[in-house]
Amino acid sequence: MKKLSRSLKEKLIFTAWILGLVIAGTLLWSLTASFRTRLTMNSVNSVLSTMDEGKTLLSPASLQAGSNAPFGKWYNISDSNSLFYVFSIMWKGIFVPCAVEISEEGIAADIIPLGNHASQVFRYIPKEHIDVYLHRIVSVYNERKGINQ
């Protein structure tokens, strides 16, 4: 068999490095999912306590977000059968961390911006933009729970 040219060897080595980094990143992302979920829950609880919301997240809920919902995570709330969805709204290149409580009947409460900066940016987001997020979240919740609207 002919020897591989030097440039082809370099391209194969470069491709192997990129593939190795992608595999390492994928493993790191998937193996730290529960840690990231708990860290988010603790951060949200800290923000909610400073905002005097009176809500505490207990644990991650088993309800999956689904493909048509914004990236986020469902949590169980203390002293309630409702679920809390923590996600980010994208507005003018800024991620605005928010949360919304969804009742058992599939009705959403108001979106709560999480933090001072989120509250400042949230004021400028048009209601129509927020309603798109709310509609998508509620429809995923209702779809997963089997609630007809």
Protein backbone atom coordinates (compact mmCIF):
# COMPACT_ATOMS: atom_id res chain seq x y z
CA MET A 1 0.00 0.00 0.00
CA LYS A 2 1.22 3.46 -0.84
CA LYS A 3 2.26 5.79 1.92
CA LEU A 4 -0.24 8.51 2.74
CA SER A 5 0.80 11.98 1.81
CA ARG A 6 1.82 14.33 4.60
CA SER A 7 -1.14 16.68 4.07
CA LEU A 8 -3.62 13.78 4.22
CA LYS A 9 -2.08 12.57 7.48
CA GLU A 10 -2.36 16.06 8.93
CA LYS A 11 -5.99 16.29 7.89
CA LEU A 12 -6.76 12.90 9.46
CA ILE A 13 -5.04 13.89 12.71
CA PHE A 14 -6.93 17.21 12.77
CA THR A 15 -10.23 15.41 12.11
CA ALA A 16 -9.47 12.90 14.90
CA TRP A 17 -8.80 15.77 17.35
CA ILE A 18 -12.06 17.51 16.45
CA LEU A 19 -14.00 14.25 16.74
CA GLY A 20 -12.36 13.55 20.11
CA LEU A 21 -13.30 17.00 21.41
CA VAL A 22 -16.90 16.58 20.24
CA ILE A 23 -17.15 13.18 21.93
CA ALA A 24 -15.60 14.52 25.16
CA GLY A 25 -17.99 17.49 25.14
CA THR A 26 -20.99 15.26 24.55
CA LEU A 27 -19.99 12.96 27.38
CA LEU A 28 -19.39 15.88 29.73
CA TRP A 29 -22.76 17.43 28.84
CA SER A 30 -24.72 14.21 29.32
CA LEU A 31 -22.92 13.02 32.47
CA THR A 32 -23.38 16.36 34.26
CA ALA A 33 -27.10 16.78 33.48
CA SER A 34 -28.34 16.00 37.00
CA PHE A 35 -25.69 18.26 38.53
CA ARG A 36 -26.66 21.15 36.22
CA THR A 37 -30.35 20.60 37.00
CA ARG A 38 -29.72 20.72 40.76
CA LEU A 39 -27.47 23.76 40.41
CA THR A 40 -30.18 25.57 38.44
CA MET A 41 -32.79 24.62 41.05
CA ASN A 42 -30.63 25.99 43.88
CA SER A 43 -29.97 29.22 41.97
CA VAL A 44 -33.67 29.72 41.22
CA ASN A 45 -34.56 29.05 44.87
CA SER A 46 -32.02 31.67 45.92
CA VAL A 47 -33.49 34.23 43.50
CA LEU A 48 -37.07 33.42 44.54
CA SER A 49 -36.20 33.88 48.21
CA THR A 50 -34.66 37.32 47.55
CA MET A 51 -37.74 38.29 45.53
CA ASP A 52 -40.08 37.16 48.35
CA GLU A 53 -42.08 35.02 45.91
CA GLY A 54 -42.97 32.47 48.58
CA LYS A 55 -42.24 29.54 46.28
CA THR A 56 -39.57 26.88 46.66
CA LEU A 57 -38.57 24.34 44.06
CA LEU A 58 -38.36 20.85 45.52
CA SER A 59 -37.07 18.59 42.79
CA PRO A 60 -36.87 18.21 39.05
CA ALA A 61 -40.16 16.99 37.58
CA SER A 62 -40.31 14.02 35.25
CA LEU A 63 -42.17 16.01 32.60
CA GLN A 64 -39.91 16.41 29.56
CA ALA A 65 -39.85 19.74 27.77
CA GLY A 66 -40.49 18.43 24.30
CA SER A 67 -39.16 19.54 20.97
CA ASN A 68 -41.34 22.60 20.45
CA ALA A 69 -40.82 24.19 23.87
CA PRO A 70 -38.03 26.62 24.69
CA PHE A 71 -35.03 24.99 26.33
CA GLY A 72 -35.72 24.70 30.01
CA LYS A 73 -36.48 22.37 32.88
CA TRP A 74 -39.61 21.45 34.83
CA TYR A 75 -39.57 21.50 38.64
CA ASN A 76 -42.00 20.52 41.39
CA ILE A 77 -43.06 23.32 43.75
CA SER A 78 -43.40 22.93 47.52
CA ASP A 79 -46.96 22.95 48.88
CA SER A 80 -48.46 22.80 45.38
CA ASN A 81 -49.35 20.35 42.64
CA SER A 82 -48.35 22.91 40.04
CA LEU A 83 -45.11 22.73 38.09
CA PHE A 84 -42.53 25.45 37.59
CA TYR A 85 -40.79 25.80 34.22
CA VAL A 86 -37.41 27.56 34.22
CA PHE A 87 -36.20 28.78 30.81
CA SER A 88 -34.64 31.71 28.99
CA ILE A 89 -36.28 34.23 26.70
CA MET A 90 -34.05 35.48 23.93
CA TRP A 91 -34.39 39.21 23.35
CA LYS A 92 -32.02 41.27 21.18
CA GLY A 93 -29.17 38.84 21.75
CA ILE A 94 -29.66 38.67 25.51
CA PHE A 95 -30.77 35.57 27.37
CA VAL A 96 -33.34 36.58 29.98
CA PRO A 97 -33.77 33.84 32.61
CA CYS A 98 -37.43 33.43 33.51
CA ALA A 99 -39.81 31.00 35.14
CA VAL A 100 -43.52 30.34 34.92
CA GLU A 101 -45.86 28.35 37.13
CA ILE A 102 -48.27 26.02 35.31
CA SER A 103 -51.30 24.80 37.27
CA GLU A 104 -52.63 21.24 37.10
CA GLU A 105 -55.32 22.47 34.71
CA GLY A 106 -52.68 23.72 32.28
CA ILE A 107 -53.08 27.43 33.03
CA ALA A 108 -49.96 29.58 33.16
CA ALA A 109 -49.38 32.28 35.73
CA ASP A 110 -47.34 35.34 34.84
CA ILE A 111 -43.73 34.89 33.78
CA ILE A 112 -41.30 35.77 36.55
CA PRO A 113 -37.95 37.25 35.47
CA LEU A 114 -35.20 35.71 37.57
CA GLY A 115 -32.82 38.38 38.80
CA ASN A 116 -32.33 42.14 38.65
CA HIS A 117 -30.89 42.26 35.15
CA ALA A 118 -33.65 40.00 33.86
CA SER A 119 -36.25 42.31 35.44
CA GLN A 120 -34.73 45.34 33.76
CA VAL A 121 -34.61 43.72 30.31
CA PHE A 122 -38.02 42.06 30.75
CA ARG A 123 -39.74 45.47 30.83
CA TYR A 124 -38.73 46.09 27.22
CA ILE A 125 -39.83 42.74 25.78
CA PRO A 126 -43.12 43.10 23.86
CA LYS A 127 -46.10 41.22 25.28
CA GLU A 128 -46.54 39.40 21.95
CA HIS A 129 -43.03 37.98 22.22
CA ILE A 130 -43.70 36.75 25.75
CA ASP A 131 -47.07 35.29 24.70
CA VAL A 132 -45.33 33.11 22.10
CA TYR A 133 -43.18 31.56 24.84
CA LEU A 134 -46.17 31.12 27.14
CA HIS A 135 -48.25 29.48 24.41
CA ARG A 136 -45.47 27.04 23.53
CA ILE A 137 -44.83 26.09 27.15
CA VAL A 138 -48.52 25.61 27.98
CA SER A 139 -49.13 23.58 24.82
CA VAL A 140 -46.23 21.25 25.64
CA TYR A 141 -47.49 20.87 29.21
CA ASN A 142 -51.02 20.11 28.04
CA GLU A 143 -49.75 17.69 25.40
CA ARG A 144 -47.65 15.78 27.93
CA LYS A 145 -50.42 15.71 30.52
CA GLY A 146 -53.16 14.89 27.98
CA ILE A 147 -55.19 18.03 28.65
CA ASN A 148 -57.45 19.22 25.84
CA GLN A 149 -57.92 22.94 25.41
